Amino acid sequence: AAGFVVLGAGGVLSVVAYRLMLRIARLPEERRVLR
């Protein structure tokens, strides 16, 4: 059971990180303008 929980948590973290990367990739120009 512990192994399954670890795999599930890793999957969720990977999905969240993937979405964050997509959001950052969508706004590179805007961040440059703010700087």
Protein backbone atom coordinates (compact mmCIF):
# COMPACT_ATOMS: atom_id res chain seq x y z
CA ALA A 1 0.00 0.00 0.00
CA ALA A 2 2.85 2.40 0.86
CA GLY A 3 4.42 1.93 -2.57
CA PHE A 4 1.11 2.72 -4.28
CA VAL A 5 0.76 5.92 -2.25
CA VAL A 6 4.28 6.99 -3.24
CA LEU A 7 3.56 6.33 -6.92
CA GLY A 8 0.28 8.26 -6.69
CA ALA A 9 1.94 11.23 -5.01
CA GLY A 10 4.72 11.23 -7.62
CA GLY A 11 2.15 11.18 -10.42
CA VAL A 12 0.26 14.13 -8.95
CA LEU A 13 3.45 16.14 -8.45
CA SER A 14 4.55 15.43 -12.03
CA VAL A 15 1.18 16.60 -13.39
CA VAL A 16 1.26 19.78 -11.28
CA ALA A 17 4.84 20.53 -12.34
CA TYR A 18 3.88 19.93 -16.00
CA ARG A 19 0.99 22.41 -15.77
CA LEU A 20 3.23 25.00 -14.08
CA MET A 21 5.78 24.60 -16.89
CA LEU A 22 3.02 25.18 -19.48
CA ARG A 23 1.86 28.35 -17.69
CA ILE A 24 5.43 29.69 -17.47
CA ALA A 25 6.01 28.84 -21.15
CA ARG A 26 2.88 30.81 -22.10
CA LEU A 27 4.05 34.00 -20.36
CA PRO A 28 7.78 34.41 -21.07
CA GLU A 29 7.33 37.69 -22.97
CA GLU A 30 5.10 39.26 -20.31
CA ARG A 31 7.62 38.47 -17.57
CA ARG A 32 10.40 40.02 -19.65
CA VAL A 33 8.36 43.20 -20.11
CA LEU A 34 7.70 43.44 -16.37
CA ARG A 35 11.46 43.29 -15.74
